[in-house]
Amino acid sequence: MKIKAHRISKGRASGSALITTEPISFLGGINPETGVITEKGSTLEGKSVSGKILIFPGGIGSTVSSYVIYQLKKNNVAPAAMINIHTEPIVAVGAIISEIPLVDQPEKNPF
């Protein structure tokens, strides 16, 4: 499936989609060593982002989230790409420094 969107971090990726309608907090919400979502009560709790196309509305939480995204990449457990409805600067910086493709404002709502 192809969806046109606003590019934030360039690149190409393919993989299975991991979708949530909930914002993601990377600091405390995802284990940076395993890539497993640890956020209690999340619809994705216990699932791994590793190699997935992570589709979520946007990020929430600490500015340290950029570094957590970077840690995911360094530990080889990062998502292959990310799609947001609206990307805030913290997720954008994390994707850019980690060279993870990131787009937002998709022409079709992925939810």
PDB file of N, CA and C in Angstrom:
ATOM      1  N   MET A   1       0.840  -1.167   0.000  1.00  0.00           N
ATOM      2  CA  MET A   1       0.000   0.000   0.000  1.00  0.00           C
ATOM      3  C   MET A   1       0.891   1.238   0.000  1.00  0.00           C
ATOM      4  N   LYS A   2       0.539   2.212  -0.794  1.00  0.00           N
ATOM      5  CA  LYS A   2       1.260   3.481  -0.810  1.00  0.00           C
ATOM      6  C   LYS A   2       0.344   4.571  -0.272  1.00  0.00           C
ATOM      7  N   ILE A   3       0.901   5.388   0.607  1.00  0.00           N
ATOM      8  CA  ILE A   3       0.168   6.520   1.177  1.00  0.00           C
ATOM      9  C   ILE A   3       1.058   7.741   1.054  1.00  0.00           C
ATOM     10  N   LYS A   4       0.557   8.795   0.446  1.00  0.00           N
ATOM     11  CA  LYS A   4       1.322  10.041   0.362  1.00  0.00           C
ATOM     12  C   LYS A   4       1.276  10.743   1.707  1.00  0.00           C
ATOM     13  N   ALA A   5       2.420  11.330   2.085  1.00  0.00           N
ATOM     14  CA  ALA A   5       2.521  12.006   3.374  1.00  0.00           C
ATOM     15  C   ALA A   5       3.655  13.023   3.320  1.00  0.00           C
ATOM     16  N   HIS A   6       3.750  13.823   4.374  1.00  0.00           N
ATOM     17  CA  HIS A   6       4.801  14.829   4.526  1.00  0.00           C
ATOM     18  C   HIS A   6       6.050  14.150   5.093  1.00  0.00           C
ATOM     19  N   ARG A   7       7.157  14.209   4.373  1.00  0.00           N
ATOM     20  CA  ARG A   7       8.394  13.560   4.819  1.00  0.00           C
ATOM     21  C   ARG A   7       9.119  14.417   5.856  1.00  0.00           C
ATOM     22  N   ILE A   8       9.514  13.767   6.945  1.00  0.00           N
ATOM     23  CA  ILE A   8      10.291  14.430   7.991  1.00  0.00           C
ATOM     24  C   ILE A   8      11.714  13.871   8.019  1.00  0.00           C
ATOM     25  N   SER A   9      11.835  12.556   7.949  1.00  0.00           N
ATOM     26  CA  SER A   9      13.139  11.894   7.931  1.00  0.00           C
ATOM     27  C   SER A   9      13.147  10.953   6.731  1.00  0.00           C
ATOM     28  N   LYS A  10      14.079  11.189   5.811  1.00  0.00           N
ATOM     29  CA  LYS A  10      14.063  10.456   4.546  1.00  0.00           C
ATOM     30  C   LYS A  10      14.467   9.000   4.708  1.00  0.00           C
ATOM     31  N   GLY A  11      14.071   8.222   3.731  1.00  0.00           N
ATOM     32  CA  GLY A  11      14.429   6.816   3.698  1.00  0.00           C
ATOM     33  C   GLY A  11      13.299   5.980   3.140  1.00  0.00           C
ATOM     34  N   ARG A  12      13.573   4.710   3.000  1.00  0.00           N
ATOM     35  CA  ARG A  12      12.581   3.742   2.528  1.00  0.00           C
ATOM     36  C   ARG A  12      12.554   2.592   3.518  1.00  0.00           C
ATOM     37  N   ALA A  13      11.373   2.019   3.669  1.00  0.00           N
ATOM     38  CA  ALA A  13      11.243   0.886   4.578  1.00  0.00           C
ATOM     39  C   ALA A  13      10.061   0.032   4.162  1.00  0.00           C
ATOM     40  N   SER A  14      10.102  -1.197   4.585  1.00  0.00           N
ATOM     41  CA  SER A  14       8.953  -2.076   4.428  1.00  0.00           C
ATOM     42  C   SER A  14       8.895  -2.959   5.663  1.00  0.00           C
ATOM     43  N   GLY A  15       7.717  -3.447   5.944  1.00  0.00           N
ATOM     44  CA  GLY A  15       7.544  -4.294   7.113  1.00  0.00           C
ATOM     45  C   GLY A  15       6.091  -4.361   7.504  1.00  0.00           C
ATOM     46  N   SER A  16       5.807  -5.155   8.499  1.00  0.00           N
ATOM     47  CA  SER A  16       4.455  -5.260   9.033  1.00  0.00           C
ATOM     48  C   SER A  16       4.122  -4.001   9.811  1.00  0.00           C
ATOM     49  N   ALA A  17       2.863  -3.610   9.752  1.00  0.00           N
ATOM     50  CA  ALA A  17       2.418  -2.426  10.490  1.00  0.00           C
ATOM     51  C   ALA A  17       2.099  -2.787  11.935  1.00  0.00           C
ATOM     52  N   LEU A  18       2.483  -1.905  12.836  1.00  0.00           N
ATOM     53  CA  LEU A  18       2.117  -1.984  14.244  1.00  0.00           C
ATOM     54  C   LEU A  18       1.385  -0.687  14.529  1.00  0.00           C
ATOM     55  N   ILE A  19       0.081  -0.776  14.786  1.00  0.00           N
ATOM     56  CA  ILE A  19      -0.773   0.413  14.815  1.00  0.00           C
ATOM     57  C   ILE A  19      -1.410   0.608  16.183  1.00  0.00           C
ATOM     58  N   THR A  20      -1.391   1.860  16.642  1.00  0.00           N
ATOM     59  CA  THR A  20      -2.130   2.248  17.837  1.00  0.00           C
ATOM     60  C   THR A  20      -2.725   3.632  17.636  1.00  0.00           C
ATOM     61  N   THR A  21      -3.884   3.845  18.210  1.00  0.00           N
ATOM     62  CA  THR A  21      -4.512   5.171  18.164  1.00  0.00           C
ATOM     63  C   THR A  21      -4.066   6.027  19.345  1.00  0.00           C
ATOM     64  N   GLU A  22      -3.194   5.465  20.186  1.00  0.00           N
ATOM     65  CA  GLU A  22      -2.707   6.171  21.374  1.00  0.00           C
ATOM     66  C   GLU A  22      -1.343   6.801  21.104  1.00  0.00           C
ATOM     67  N   PRO A  23      -1.084   7.998  21.652  1.00  0.00           N
ATOM     68  CA  PRO A  23       0.270   8.567  21.561  1.00  0.00           C
ATOM     69  C   PRO A  23       1.255   7.650  22.284  1.00  0.00           C
ATOM     70  N   ILE A  24       2.512   7.709  21.881  1.00  0.00           N
ATOM     71  CA  ILE A  24       3.545   6.865  22.489  1.00  0.00           C
ATOM     72  C   ILE A  24       4.546   7.727  23.248  1.00  0.00           C
ATOM     73  N   SER A  25       4.845   7.292  24.482  1.00  0.00           N
ATOM     74  CA  SER A  25       5.917   7.889  25.265  1.00  0.00           C
ATOM     75  C   SER A  25       7.109   6.946  25.158  1.00  0.00           C
ATOM     76  N   PHE A  26       8.148   7.379  24.472  1.00  0.00           N
ATOM     77  CA  PHE A  26       9.311   6.511  24.296  1.00  0.00           C
ATOM     78  C   PHE A  26      10.079   6.343  25.599  1.00  0.00           C
ATOM     79  N   LEU A  27      10.156   7.392  26.425  1.00  0.00           N
ATOM     80  CA  LEU A  27      10.839   7.289  27.710  1.00  0.00           C
ATOM     81  C   LEU A  27       9.907   6.607  28.705  1.00  0.00           C
ATOM     82  N   GLY A  28      10.230   5.393  29.080  1.00  0.00           N
ATOM     83  CA  GLY A  28       9.422   4.642  30.027  1.00  0.00           C
ATOM     84  C   GLY A  28       8.322   3.827  29.375  1.00  0.00           C
ATOM     85  N   GLY A  29       8.052   4.071  28.102  1.00  0.00           N
ATOM     86  CA  GLY A  29       6.992   3.346  27.412  1.00  0.00           C
ATOM     87  C   GLY A  29       7.498   2.245  26.503  1.00  0.00           C
ATOM     88  N   ILE A  30       8.797   2.303  26.166  1.00  0.00           N
ATOM     89  CA  ILE A  30       9.413   1.283  25.314  1.00  0.00           C
ATOM     90  C   ILE A  30      10.776   0.935  25.901  1.00  0.00           C
ATOM     91  N   ASN A  31      11.047  -0.345  26.025  1.00  0.00           N
ATOM     92  CA  ASN A  31      12.343  -0.789  26.521  1.00  0.00           C
ATOM     93  C   ASN A  31      13.373  -0.595  25.409  1.00  0.00           C
ATOM     94  N   PRO A  32      14.367   0.292  25.604  1.00  0.00           N
ATOM     95  CA  PRO A  32      15.328   0.582  24.541  1.00  0.00           C
ATOM     96  C   PRO A  32      16.294  -0.567  24.233  1.00  0.00           C
ATOM     97  N   GLU A  33      16.357  -1.555  25.104  1.00  0.00           N
ATOM     98  CA  GLU A  33      17.241  -2.698  24.864  1.00  0.00           C
ATOM     99  C   GLU A  33      16.556  -3.801  24.069  1.00  0.00           C
ATOM    100  N   THR A  34      15.224  -3.908  24.215  1.00  0.00           N
ATOM    101  CA  THR A  34      14.489  -4.997  23.557  1.00  0.00           C
ATOM    102  C   THR A  34      13.529  -4.512  22.477  1.00  0.00           C
ATOM    103  N   GLY A  35      13.132  -3.244  22.539  1.00  0.00           N
ATOM    104  CA  GLY A  35      12.148  -2.722  21.602  1.00  0.00           C
ATOM    105  C   GLY A  35      10.717  -3.087  21.958  1.00  0.00           C
ATOM    106  N   VAL A  36      10.515  -3.659  23.128  1.00  0.00           N
ATOM    107  CA  VAL A  36       9.179  -4.076  23.553  1.00  0.00           C
ATOM    108  C   VAL A  36       8.472  -2.921  24.257  1.00  0.00           C
ATOM    109  N   ILE A  37       7.206  -2.727  23.911  1.00  0.00           N
ATOM    110  CA  ILE A  37       6.402  -1.670  24.534  1.00  0.00           C
ATOM    111  C   ILE A  37       6.026  -2.110  25.939  1.00  0.00           C
ATOM    112  N   THR A  38       6.378  -1.269  26.915  1.00  0.00           N
ATOM    113  CA  THR A  38       6.174  -1.586  28.328  1.00  0.00           C
ATOM    114  C   THR A  38       5.113  -0.711  28.981  1.00  0.00           C
ATOM    115  N   GLU A  39       4.556   0.219  28.232  1.00  0.00           N
ATOM    116  CA  GLU A  39       3.552   1.152  28.763  1.00  0.00           C
ATOM    117  C   GLU A  39       2.343   0.369  29.264  1.00  0.00           C
ATOM    118  N   LYS A  40       2.098   0.421  30.572  1.00  0.00           N
ATOM    119  CA  LYS A  40       0.981  -0.295  31.184  1.00  0.00           C
ATOM    120  C   LYS A  40      -0.344   0.201  30.609  1.00  0.00           C
ATOM    121  N   GLY A  41      -1.174  -0.734  30.187  1.00  0.00           N
ATOM    122  CA  GLY A  41      -2.493  -0.395  29.662  1.00  0.00           C
ATOM    123  C   GLY A  41      -2.516  -0.047  28.185  1.00  0.00           C
ATOM    124  N   SER A  42      -1.344   0.067  27.567  1.00  0.00           N
ATOM    125  CA  SER A  42      -1.289   0.368  26.133  1.00  0.00           C
ATOM    126  C   SER A  42      -1.857  -0.804  25.343  1.00  0.00           C
ATOM    127  N   THR A  43      -2.501  -0.503  24.231  1.00  0.00           N
ATOM    128  CA  THR A  43      -3.002  -1.570  23.359  1.00  0.00           C
ATOM    129  C   THR A  43      -1.851  -2.368  22.750  1.00  0.00           C
ATOM    130  N   LEU A  44      -0.647  -1.808  22.779  1.00  0.00           N
ATOM    131  CA  LEU A  44       0.530  -2.491  22.235  1.00  0.00           C
ATOM    132  C   LEU A  44       1.443  -3.070  23.315  1.00  0.00           C
ATOM    133  N   GLU A  45       1.026  -3.014  24.572  1.00  0.00           N
ATOM    134  CA  GLU A  45       1.864  -3.520  25.661  1.00  0.00           C
ATOM    135  C   GLU A  45       2.313  -4.953  25.369  1.00  0.00           C
ATOM    136  N   GLY A  46       3.631  -5.186  25.484  1.00  0.00           N
ATOM    137  CA  GLY A  46       4.194  -6.508  25.264  1.00  0.00           C
ATOM    138  C   GLY A  46       4.599  -6.795  23.828  1.00  0.00           C
ATOM    139  N   LYS A  47       4.283  -5.888  22.908  1.00  0.00           N
ATOM    140  CA  LYS A  47       4.635  -6.084  21.499  1.00  0.00           C
ATOM    141  C   LYS A  47       5.932  -5.354  21.176  1.00  0.00           C
ATOM    142  N   SER A  48       6.660  -5.894  20.210  1.00  0.00           N
ATOM    143  CA  SER A  48       7.940  -5.312  19.813  1.00  0.00           C
ATOM    144  C   SER A  48       7.770  -4.384  18.618  1.00  0.00           C
ATOM    145  N   VAL A  49       8.477  -3.255  18.648  1.00  0.00           N
ATOM    146  CA  VAL A  49       8.485  -2.311  17.526  1.00  0.00           C
ATOM    147  C   VAL A  49       9.573  -2.669  16.520  1.00  0.00           C
ATOM    148  N   SER A  50      10.432  -3.592  16.858  1.00  0.00           N
ATOM    149  CA  SER A  50      11.598  -3.933  16.045  1.00  0.00           C
ATOM    150  C   SER A  50      11.209  -4.353  14.629  1.00  0.00           C
ATOM    151  N   GLY A  51      11.721  -3.609  13.642  1.00  0.00           N
ATOM    152  CA  GLY A  51      11.489  -3.925  12.248  1.00  0.00           C
ATOM    153  C   GLY A  51      10.096  -3.632  11.731  1.00  0.00           C
ATOM    154  N   LYS A  52       9.262  -3.020  12.540  1.00  0.00           N
ATOM    155  CA  LYS A  52       7.875  -2.739  12.163  1.00  0.00           C
ATOM    156  C   LYS A  52       7.724  -1.325  11.608  1.00  0.00           C
ATOM    157  N   ILE A  53       6.640  -1.116  10.880  1.00  0.00           N
ATOM    158  CA  ILE A  53       6.227   0.232  10.515  1.00  0.00           C
ATOM    159  C   ILE A  53       5.323   0.669  11.659  1.00  0.00           C
ATOM    160  N   LEU A  54       5.816   1.535  12.512  1.00  0.00           N
ATOM    161  CA  LEU A  54       5.102   1.961  13.714  1.00  0.00           C
ATOM    162  C   LEU A  54       4.199   3.135  13.365  1.00  0.00           C
ATOM    163  N   ILE A  55       2.894   2.912  13.468  1.00  0.00           N
ATOM    164  CA  ILE A  55       1.904   3.928  13.117  1.00  0.00           C
ATOM    165  C   ILE A  55       1.199   4.364  14.393  1.00  0.00           C
ATOM    166  N   PHE A  56       1.352   5.646  14.737  1.00  0.00           N
ATOM    167  CA  PHE A  56       0.763   6.194  15.959  1.00  0.00           C
ATOM    168  C   PHE A  56       0.504   7.677  15.744  1.00  0.00           C
ATOM    169  N   PRO A  57      -0.432   8.271  16.503  1.00  0.00           N
ATOM    170  CA  PRO A  57      -0.787   9.670  16.249  1.00  0.00           C
ATOM    171  C   PRO A  57       0.353  10.653  16.460  1.00  0.00           C
ATOM    172  N   GLY A  58       1.214  10.398  17.437  1.00  0.00           N
ATOM    173  CA  GLY A  58       2.322  11.291  17.768  1.00  0.00           C
ATOM    174  C   GLY A  58       2.921  10.877  19.093  1.00  0.00           C
ATOM    175  N   GLY A  59       3.981  11.548  19.476  1.00  0.00           N
ATOM    176  CA  GLY A  59       4.658  11.222  20.720  1.00  0.00           C
ATOM    177  C   GLY A  59       4.216  12.111  21.865  1.00  0.00           C
ATOM    178  N   ILE A  60       4.436  11.624  23.064  1.00  0.00           N
ATOM    179  CA  ILE A  60       4.198  12.407  24.279  1.00  0.00           C
ATOM    180  C   ILE A  60       5.375  12.164  25.213  1.00  0.00           C
ATOM    181  N   GLY A  61       5.542  13.070  26.160  1.00  0.00           N
ATOM    182  CA  GLY A  61       6.538  12.835  27.190  1.00  0.00           C
ATOM    183  C   GLY A  61       7.799  13.654  27.054  1.00  0.00           C
ATOM    184  N   SER A  62       8.827  13.131  27.648  1.00  0.00           N
ATOM    185  CA  SER A  62      10.100  13.806  27.866  1.00  0.00           C
ATOM    186  C   SER A  62      10.912  14.047  26.601  1.00  0.00           C
ATOM    187  N   THR A  63      11.748  15.066  26.669  1.00  0.00           N
ATOM    188  CA  THR A  63      12.694  15.334  25.587  1.00  0.00           C
ATOM    189  C   THR A  63      13.725  14.218  25.457  1.00  0.00           C
ATOM    190  N   VAL A  64      13.856  13.400  26.481  1.00  0.00           N
ATOM    191  CA  VAL A  64      14.788  12.270  26.436  1.00  0.00           C
ATOM    192  C   VAL A  64      14.301  11.206  25.441  1.00  0.00           C
ATOM    193  N   SER A  65      13.047  11.302  25.019  1.00  0.00           N
ATOM    194  CA  SER A  65      12.503  10.346  24.049  1.00  0.00           C
ATOM    195  C   SER A  65      13.329  10.292  22.770  1.00  0.00           C
ATOM    196  N   SER A  66      13.901  11.424  22.354  1.00  0.00           N
ATOM    197  CA  SER A  66      14.760  11.431  21.161  1.00  0.00           C
ATOM    198  C   SER A  66      15.929  10.472  21.344  1.00  0.00           C
ATOM    199  N   TYR A  67      16.510  10.489  22.526  1.00  0.00           N
ATOM    200  CA  TYR A  67      17.642   9.611  22.815  1.00  0.00           C
ATOM    201  C   TYR A  67      17.200   8.154  22.904  1.00  0.00           C
ATOM    202  N   VAL A  68      15.991   7.904  23.421  1.00  0.00           N
ATOM    203  CA  VAL A  68      15.482   6.531  23.496  1.00  0.00           C
ATOM    204  C   VAL A  68      15.317   5.961  22.085  1.00  0.00           C
ATOM    205  N   ILE A  69      14.810   6.770  21.162  1.00  0.00           N
ATOM    206  CA  ILE A  69      14.688   6.332  19.766  1.00  0.00           C
ATOM    207  C   ILE A  69      16.074   5.988  19.216  1.00  0.00           C
ATOM    208  N   TYR A  70      17.055   6.824  19.525  1.00  0.00           N
ATOM    209  CA  TYR A  70      18.434   6.578  19.097  1.00  0.00           C
ATOM    210  C   TYR A  70      18.969   5.270  19.701  1.00  0.00           C
ATOM    211  N   GLN A  71      18.672   5.028  20.980  1.00  0.00           N
ATOM    212  CA  GLN A  71      19.098   3.783  21.630  1.00  0.00           C
ATOM    213  C   GLN A  71      18.471   2.569  20.946  1.00  0.00           C
ATOM    214  N   LEU A  72      17.194   2.674  20.583  1.00  0.00           N
ATOM    215  CA  LEU A  72      16.527   1.582  19.875  1.00  0.00           C
ATOM    216  C   LEU A  72      17.293   1.235  18.603  1.00  0.00           C
ATOM    217  N   LYS A  73      17.691   2.255  17.863  1.00  0.00           N
ATOM    218  CA  LYS A  73      18.434   2.043  16.614  1.00  0.00           C
ATOM    219  C   LYS A  73      19.798   1.406  16.890  1.00  0.00           C
ATOM    220  N   LYS A  74      20.522   1.928  17.872  1.00  0.00           N
ATOM    221  CA  LYS A  74      21.847   1.394  18.194  1.00  0.00           C
ATOM    222  C   LYS A  74      21.773  -0.055  18.678  1.00  0.00           C
ATOM    223  N   ASN A  75      20.655  -0.423  19.293  1.00  0.00           N
ATOM    224  CA  ASN A  75      20.470  -1.788  19.796  1.00  0.00           C
ATOM    225  C   ASN A  75      19.803  -2.703  18.766  1.00  0.00           C
ATOM    226  N   ASN A  76      19.642  -2.192  17.539  1.00  0.00           N
ATOM    227  CA  ASN A  76      19.044  -2.971  16.444  1.00  0.00           C
ATOM    228  C   ASN A  76      17.636  -3.468  16.746  1.00  0.00           C
ATOM    229  N   VAL A  77      16.860  -2.673  17.478  1.00  0.00           N
ATOM    230  CA  VAL A  77      15.472  -3.037  17.792  1.00  0.00           C
ATOM    231  C   VAL A  77      14.508  -1.889  17.469  1.00  0.00           C
ATOM    232  N   ALA A  78      14.937  -0.975  16.614  1.00  0.00           N
ATOM    233  CA  ALA A  78      14.116   0.185  16.252  1.00  0.00           C
ATOM    234  C   ALA A  78      13.057  -0.203  15.227  1.00  0.00           C
ATOM    235  N   PRO A  79      12.001   0.610  15.137  1.00  0.00           N
ATOM    236  CA  PRO A  79      11.052   0.389  14.047  1.00  0.00           C
ATOM    237  C   PRO A  79      11.737   0.655  12.706  1.00  0.00           C
ATOM    238  N   ALA A  80      11.255  -0.002  11.652  1.00  0.00           N
ATOM    239  CA  ALA A  80      11.806   0.216  10.313  1.00  0.00           C
ATOM    240  C   ALA A  80      11.448   1.610   9.815  1.00  0.00           C
ATOM    241  N   ALA A  81      10.288   2.103  10.238  1.00  0.00           N
ATOM    242  CA  ALA A  81       9.813   3.441   9.872  1.00  0.00           C
ATOM    243  C   ALA A  81       8.693   3.819  10.826  1.00  0.00           C
ATOM    244  N   MET A  82       8.345   5.112  10.822  1.00  0.00           N
ATOM    245  CA  MET A  82       7.246   5.596  11.656  1.00  0.00           C
ATOM    246  C   MET A  82       6.336   6.493  10.826  1.00  0.00           C
ATOM    247  N   ILE A  83       5.036   6.389  11.111  1.00  0.00           N
ATOM    248  CA  ILE A  83       4.025   7.247  10.495  1.00  0.00           C
ATOM    249  C   ILE A  83       3.218   7.871  11.622  1.00  0.00           C
ATOM    250  N   ASN A  84       3.106   9.194  11.604  1.00  0.00           N
ATOM    251  CA  ASN A  84       2.320   9.937  12.597  1.00  0.00           C
ATOM    252  C   ASN A  84       1.233  10.741  11.904  1.00  0.00           C
ATOM    253  N   ILE A  85       0.215  11.089  12.665  1.00  0.00           N
ATOM    254  CA  ILE A  85      -0.751  12.073  12.186  1.00  0.00           C
ATOM    255  C   ILE A  85      -0.100  13.448  12.296  1.00  0.00           C
ATOM    256  N   HIS A  86       0.481  13.719  13.465  1.00  0.00           N
ATOM    257  CA  HIS A  86       1.210  14.972  13.696  1.00  0.00           C
ATOM    258  C   HIS A  86       2.471  14.640  14.488  1.00  0.00           C
ATOM    259  N   THR A  87       3.618  14.928  13.918  1.00  0.00           N
ATOM    260  CA  THR A  87       4.896  14.660  14.579  1.00  0.00           C
ATOM    261  C   THR A  87       5.355  15.893  15.333  1.00  0.00           C
ATOM    262  N   GLU A  88       5.663  15.714  16.617  1.00  0.00           N
ATOM    263  CA  GLU A  88       6.220  16.832  17.373  1.00  0.00           C
ATOM    264  C   GLU A  88       7.745  16.731  17.321  1.00  0.00           C
ATOM    265  N   PRO A  89       8.457  17.796  17.652  1.00  0.00           N
ATOM    266  CA  PRO A  89       9.915  17.854  17.471  1.00  0.00           C
ATOM    267  C   PRO A  89      10.708  16.728  18.139  1.00  0.00           C
ATOM    268  N   ILE A  90      10.247  16.221  19.263  1.00  0.00           N
ATOM    269  CA  ILE A  90      11.007  15.192  19.982  1.00  0.00           C
ATOM    270  C   ILE A  90      11.125  13.911  19.156  1.00  0.00           C
ATOM    271  N   VAL A  91      10.013  13.467  18.578  1.00  0.00           N
ATOM    272  CA  VAL A  91      10.039  12.266  17.739  1.00  0.00           C
ATOM    273  C   VAL A  91      10.796  12.553  16.443  1.00  0.00           C
ATOM    274  N   ALA A  92      10.612  13.745  15.888  1.00  0.00           N
ATOM    275  CA  ALA A  92      11.311  14.117  14.651  1.00  0.00           C
ATOM    276  C   ALA A  92      12.826  14.053  14.838  1.00  0.00           C
ATOM    277  N   VAL A  93      13.327  14.640  15.909  1.00  0.00           N
ATOM    278  CA  VAL A  93      14.771  14.627  16.174  1.00  0.00           C
ATOM    279  C   VAL A  93      15.264  13.194  16.360  1.00  0.00           C
ATOM    280  N   GLY A  94      14.532  12.401  17.113  1.00  0.00           N
ATOM    281  CA  GLY A  94      14.926  11.009  17.322  1.00  0.00           C
ATOM    282  C   GLY A  94      15.024  10.236  16.019  1.00  0.00           C
ATOM    283  N   ALA A  95      14.046  10.422  15.143  1.00  0.00           N
ATOM    284  CA  ALA A  95      14.054   9.731  13.849  1.00  0.00           C
ATOM    285  C   ALA A  95      15.209  10.208  12.974  1.00  0.00           C
ATOM    286  N   ILE A  96      15.430  11.504  12.944  1.00  0.00           N
ATOM    287  CA  ILE A  96      16.489  12.064  12.093  1.00  0.00           C
ATOM    288  C   ILE A  96      17.869  11.585  12.541  1.00  0.00           C
ATOM    289  N   ILE A  97      18.177  11.690  13.830  1.00  0.00           N
ATOM    290  CA  ILE A  97      19.514  11.281  14.292  1.00  0.00           C
ATOM    291  C   ILE A  97      19.708   9.770  14.206  1.00  0.00           C
ATOM    292  N   SER A  98      18.595   9.030  14.179  1.00  0.00           N
ATOM    293  CA  SER A  98      18.665   7.571  14.102  1.00  0.00           C
ATOM    294  C   SER A  98      18.516   7.056  12.677  1.00  0.00           C
ATOM    295  N   GLU A  99      18.283   7.978  11.751  1.00  0.00           N
ATOM    296  CA  GLU A  99      18.081   7.634  10.341  1.00  0.00           C
ATOM    297  C   GLU A  99      16.943   6.634  10.160  1.00  0.00           C
ATOM    298  N   ILE A 100      15.832   6.907  10.856  1.00  0.00           N
ATOM    299  CA  ILE A 100      14.614   6.115  10.722  1.00  0.00           C
ATOM    300  C   ILE A 100      13.642   6.927   9.874  1.00  0.00           C
ATOM    301  N   PRO A 101      13.155   6.378   8.763  1.00  0.00           N
ATOM    302  CA  PRO A 101      12.182   7.121   7.960  1.00  0.00           C
ATOM    303  C   PRO A 101      10.950   7.492   8.790  1.00  0.00           C
ATOM    304  N   LEU A 102      10.516   8.751   8.643  1.00  0.00           N
ATOM    305  CA  LEU A 102       9.365   9.254   9.393  1.00  0.00           C
ATOM    306  C   LEU A 102       8.564  10.190   8.508  1.00  0.00           C
ATOM    307  N   VAL A 103       7.254   9.961   8.465  1.00  0.00           N
ATOM    308  CA  VAL A 103       6.342  10.861   7.762  1.00  0.00           C
ATOM    309  C   VAL A 103       5.177  11.192   8.674  1.00  0.00           C
ATOM    310  N   ASP A 104       4.515  12.309   8.358  1.00  0.00           N
ATOM    311  CA  ASP A 104       3.270  12.633   9.049  1.00  0.00           C
ATOM    312  C   ASP A 104       2.296  13.241   8.049  1.00  0.00           C
ATOM    313  N   GLN A 105       1.137  13.623   8.541  1.00  0.00           N
ATOM    314  CA  GLN A 105       0.065  14.200   7.735  1.00  0.00           C
ATOM    315  C   GLN A 105      -0.279  13.313   6.531  1.00  0.00           C
ATOM    316  N   PRO A 106      -0.540  12.012   6.761  1.00  0.00           N
ATOM    317  CA  PRO A 106      -0.872  11.137   5.635  1.00  0.00           C
ATOM    318  C   PRO A 106      -2.172  11.567   4.960  1.00  0.00           C
ATOM    319  N   GLU A 107      -2.253  11.346   3.636  1.00  0.00           N
ATOM    320  CA  GLU A 107      -3.441  11.739   2.886  1.00  0.00           C
ATOM    321  C   GLU A 107      -4.661  10.920   3.299  1.00  0.00           C
ATOM    322  N   LYS A 108      -4.435   9.700   3.784  1.00  0.00           N
ATOM    323  CA  LYS A 108      -5.520   8.847   4.270  1.00  0.00           C
ATOM    324  C   LYS A 108      -5.264   8.558   5.740  1.00  0.00           C
ATOM    325  N   ASN A 109      -6.306   8.641   6.554  1.00  0.00           N
ATOM    326  CA  ASN A 109      -6.156   8.348   7.974  1.00  0.00           C
ATOM    327  C   ASN A 109      -5.849   6.858   8.142  1.00  0.00           C
ATOM    328  N   PRO A 110      -4.703   6.510   8.723  1.00  0.00           N
ATOM    329  CA  PRO A 110      -4.328   5.100   8.861  1.00  0.00           C
ATOM    330  C   PRO A 110      -5.097   4.362   9.954  1.00  0.00           C
ATOM    331  N   PHE A 111      -5.941   5.071  10.689  1.00  0.00           N
ATOM    332  CA  PHE A 111      -6.692   4.436  11.762  1.00  0.00           C
ATOM    333  C   PHE A 111      -8.075   4.087  11.279  1.00  0.00           C
TER     334      PHE A 111
END
